[in-house]
Amino acid sequence: MASVSTVRDNVARTIAGKQALLAAMRTQADSAHGVTRTALTASIGFLELNLEELGRILADLDACLET
């Protein structure tokens, strides 16, 4: 069973990876056209929501580790 600290570190790494992916997708969307741009825009929206959720989870994990 993983410790809370390990889970916290994994979530932080996941966030960092998804932030890098988001930056790359935004760059691609700037030069994309048509259906590709639409798909990238939708994916960016989903990724932004996911990052917000992961940020809240990370904050909860940090709070658990402080107590």
N, C-alpha and C. Protein backbone atom coordinates (compact mmCIF):
# COMPACT_ATOMS: atom_id res chain seq x y z
N MET A 1 0.84 -1.18 0.00
CA MET A 1 0.00 0.00 0.00
C MET A 1 0.88 1.24 0.00
N ALA A 2 0.55 2.20 -0.85
CA ALA A 2 1.34 3.43 -0.98
C ALA A 2 1.06 4.37 0.19
N SER A 3 2.07 5.10 0.57
CA SER A 3 1.88 6.09 1.63
C SER A 3 1.25 7.35 1.04
N VAL A 4 0.68 8.19 1.91
CA VAL A 4 0.08 9.44 1.47
C VAL A 4 1.14 10.32 0.81
N SER A 5 2.33 10.28 1.31
CA SER A 5 3.42 11.06 0.74
C SER A 5 3.74 10.62 -0.68
N THR A 6 3.74 9.32 -0.92
CA THR A 6 4.00 8.80 -2.25
C THR A 6 2.88 9.19 -3.21
N VAL A 7 1.65 9.09 -2.75
CA VAL A 7 0.50 9.48 -3.58
C VAL A 7 0.59 10.96 -3.91
N ARG A 8 0.94 11.77 -2.93
CA ARG A 8 1.08 13.21 -3.14
C ARG A 8 2.13 13.50 -4.21
N ASP A 9 3.26 12.84 -4.11
CA ASP A 9 4.34 13.04 -5.09
C ASP A 9 3.91 12.60 -6.49
N ASN A 10 3.16 11.50 -6.56
CA ASN A 10 2.67 11.02 -7.86
C ASN A 10 1.68 12.00 -8.47
N VAL A 11 0.81 12.57 -7.66
CA VAL A 11 -0.15 13.55 -8.15
C VAL A 11 0.58 14.79 -8.64
N ALA A 12 1.59 15.23 -7.90
CA ALA A 12 2.38 16.41 -8.30
C ALA A 12 3.07 16.16 -9.64
N ARG A 13 3.62 14.97 -9.84
CA ARG A 13 4.26 14.64 -11.11
C ARG A 13 3.24 14.57 -12.25
N THR A 14 2.08 14.04 -11.95
CA THR A 14 1.01 13.98 -12.95
C THR A 14 0.60 15.38 -13.38
N ILE A 15 0.47 16.28 -12.42
CA ILE A 15 0.12 17.66 -12.72
C ILE A 15 1.18 18.30 -13.61
N ALA A 16 2.42 18.11 -13.27
CA ALA A 16 3.50 18.70 -14.07
C ALA A 16 3.47 18.18 -15.50
N GLY A 17 3.26 16.89 -15.66
CA GLY A 17 3.19 16.32 -17.00
C GLY A 17 2.01 16.84 -17.80
N LYS A 18 0.87 16.98 -17.13
CA LYS A 18 -0.32 17.48 -17.82
C LYS A 18 -0.20 18.97 -18.14
N GLN A 19 0.51 19.72 -17.30
CA GLN A 19 0.74 21.13 -17.61
C GLN A 19 1.61 21.27 -18.86
N ALA A 20 2.61 20.40 -18.98
CA ALA A 20 3.45 20.41 -20.18
C ALA A 20 2.63 20.04 -21.41
N LEU A 21 1.78 19.04 -21.28
CA LEU A 21 0.91 18.63 -22.38
C LEU A 21 -0.02 19.77 -22.76
N LEU A 22 -0.58 20.46 -21.78
CA LEU A 22 -1.48 21.58 -22.04
C LEU A 22 -0.77 22.68 -22.82
N ALA A 23 0.44 23.00 -22.43
CA ALA A 23 1.21 24.03 -23.14
C ALA A 23 1.44 23.62 -24.60
N ALA A 24 1.78 22.37 -24.82
CA ALA A 24 2.01 21.88 -26.18
C ALA A 24 0.72 21.91 -27.00
N MET A 25 -0.37 21.53 -26.37
CA MET A 25 -1.65 21.53 -27.08
C MET A 25 -2.08 22.95 -27.44
N ARG A 26 -1.83 23.89 -26.56
CA ARG A 26 -2.17 25.29 -26.85
C ARG A 26 -1.36 25.80 -28.04
N THR A 27 -0.09 25.44 -28.10
CA THR A 27 0.76 25.83 -29.22
C THR A 27 0.24 25.22 -30.51
N GLN A 28 -0.12 23.95 -30.48
CA GLN A 28 -0.66 23.28 -31.66
C GLN A 28 -1.98 23.91 -32.09
N ALA A 29 -2.83 24.24 -31.14
CA ALA A 29 -4.14 24.81 -31.46
C ALA A 29 -4.02 26.16 -32.14
N ASP A 30 -2.98 26.92 -31.79
CA ASP A 30 -2.78 28.25 -32.39
C ASP A 30 -2.57 28.16 -33.90
N SER A 31 -2.00 27.07 -34.37
CA SER A 31 -1.73 26.95 -35.81
C SER A 31 -2.64 25.94 -36.51
N ALA A 32 -3.55 25.32 -35.76
CA ALA A 32 -4.44 24.31 -36.34
C ALA A 32 -5.67 24.97 -36.98
N HIS A 33 -6.31 24.21 -37.84
CA HIS A 33 -7.50 24.70 -38.53
C HIS A 33 -8.58 23.63 -38.53
N GLY A 34 -9.81 24.06 -38.69
CA GLY A 34 -10.94 23.15 -38.87
C GLY A 34 -11.17 22.21 -37.72
N VAL A 35 -11.41 20.95 -38.08
CA VAL A 35 -11.75 19.93 -37.09
C VAL A 35 -10.60 19.72 -36.10
N THR A 36 -9.38 19.80 -36.58
CA THR A 36 -8.23 19.62 -35.69
C THR A 36 -8.23 20.68 -34.61
N ARG A 37 -8.49 21.93 -34.98
CA ARG A 37 -8.52 23.02 -34.00
C ARG A 37 -9.67 22.81 -33.01
N THR A 38 -10.81 22.37 -33.51
CA THR A 38 -11.96 22.11 -32.64
C THR A 38 -11.64 21.00 -31.64
N ALA A 39 -11.03 19.93 -32.11
CA ALA A 39 -10.67 18.82 -31.23
C ALA A 39 -9.66 19.25 -30.18
N LEU A 40 -8.66 20.03 -30.60
CA LEU A 40 -7.66 20.51 -29.66
C LEU A 40 -8.29 21.44 -28.62
N THR A 41 -9.17 22.30 -29.06
CA THR A 41 -9.83 23.23 -28.14
C THR A 41 -10.65 22.48 -27.10
N ALA A 42 -11.38 21.45 -27.53
CA ALA A 42 -12.15 20.64 -26.59
C ALA A 42 -11.24 19.90 -25.62
N SER A 43 -10.17 19.32 -26.15
CA SER A 43 -9.22 18.60 -25.30
C SER A 43 -8.56 19.52 -24.29
N ILE A 44 -8.24 20.73 -24.71
CA ILE A 44 -7.65 21.71 -23.81
C ILE A 44 -8.62 22.02 -22.67
N GLY A 45 -9.89 22.18 -22.99
CA GLY A 45 -10.89 22.44 -21.95
C GLY A 45 -10.98 21.32 -20.93
N PHE A 46 -11.02 20.08 -21.43
CA PHE A 46 -11.07 18.93 -20.53
C PHE A 46 -9.81 18.86 -19.66
N LEU A 47 -8.67 19.11 -20.27
CA LEU A 47 -7.41 19.06 -19.55
C LEU A 47 -7.34 20.15 -18.47
N GLU A 48 -7.84 21.33 -18.77
CA GLU A 48 -7.87 22.41 -17.78
C GLU A 48 -8.73 22.02 -16.58
N LEU A 49 -9.89 21.43 -16.85
CA LEU A 49 -10.75 20.97 -15.75
C LEU A 49 -10.06 19.89 -14.92
N ASN A 50 -9.41 18.96 -15.60
CA ASN A 50 -8.70 17.90 -14.91
C ASN A 50 -7.60 18.45 -14.03
N LEU A 51 -6.87 19.44 -14.53
CA LEU A 51 -5.80 20.05 -13.75
C LEU A 51 -6.35 20.77 -12.52
N GLU A 52 -7.51 21.41 -12.66
CA GLU A 52 -8.13 22.05 -11.50
C GLU A 52 -8.47 21.01 -10.44
N GLU A 53 -9.05 19.89 -10.87
CA GLU A 53 -9.40 18.82 -9.93
C GLU A 53 -8.16 18.24 -9.26
N LEU A 54 -7.13 18.00 -10.06
CA LEU A 54 -5.89 17.46 -9.50
C LEU A 54 -5.25 18.45 -8.52
N GLY A 55 -5.37 19.74 -8.80
CA GLY A 55 -4.85 20.74 -7.89
C GLY A 55 -5.56 20.69 -6.54
N ARG A 56 -6.88 20.48 -6.57
CA ARG A 56 -7.63 20.37 -5.31
C ARG A 56 -7.25 19.10 -4.56
N ILE A 57 -7.06 18.01 -5.29
CA ILE A 57 -6.63 16.76 -4.66
C ILE A 57 -5.25 16.94 -4.03
N LEU A 58 -4.36 17.60 -4.75
CA LEU A 58 -3.01 17.84 -4.22
C LEU A 58 -3.08 18.68 -2.95
N ALA A 59 -3.93 19.69 -2.92
CA ALA A 59 -4.08 20.52 -1.73
C ALA A 59 -4.60 19.69 -0.55
N ASP A 60 -5.55 18.80 -0.83
CA ASP A 60 -6.06 17.91 0.23
C ASP A 60 -4.96 17.00 0.75
N LEU A 61 -4.16 16.46 -0.15
CA LEU A 61 -3.06 15.58 0.27
C LEU A 61 -2.04 16.36 1.11
N ASP A 62 -1.73 17.57 0.68
CA ASP A 62 -0.81 18.40 1.45
C ASP A 62 -1.36 18.66 2.85
N ALA A 63 -2.66 18.92 2.94
CA ALA A 63 -3.29 19.16 4.24
C ALA A 63 -3.21 17.92 5.12
N CYS A 64 -3.38 16.75 4.52
CA CYS A 64 -3.26 15.50 5.29
C CYS A 64 -1.84 15.32 5.84
N LEU A 65 -0.88 15.71 5.04
CA LEU A 65 0.51 15.54 5.47
C LEU A 65 0.92 16.54 6.53
N GLU A 66 0.22 17.67 6.60
CA GLU A 66 0.54 18.69 7.61
C GLU A 66 0.03 18.31 9.00
N THR A 67 -0.96 17.43 9.07
CA THR A 67 -1.53 17.08 10.37
C THR A 67 -0.84 15.90 10.99
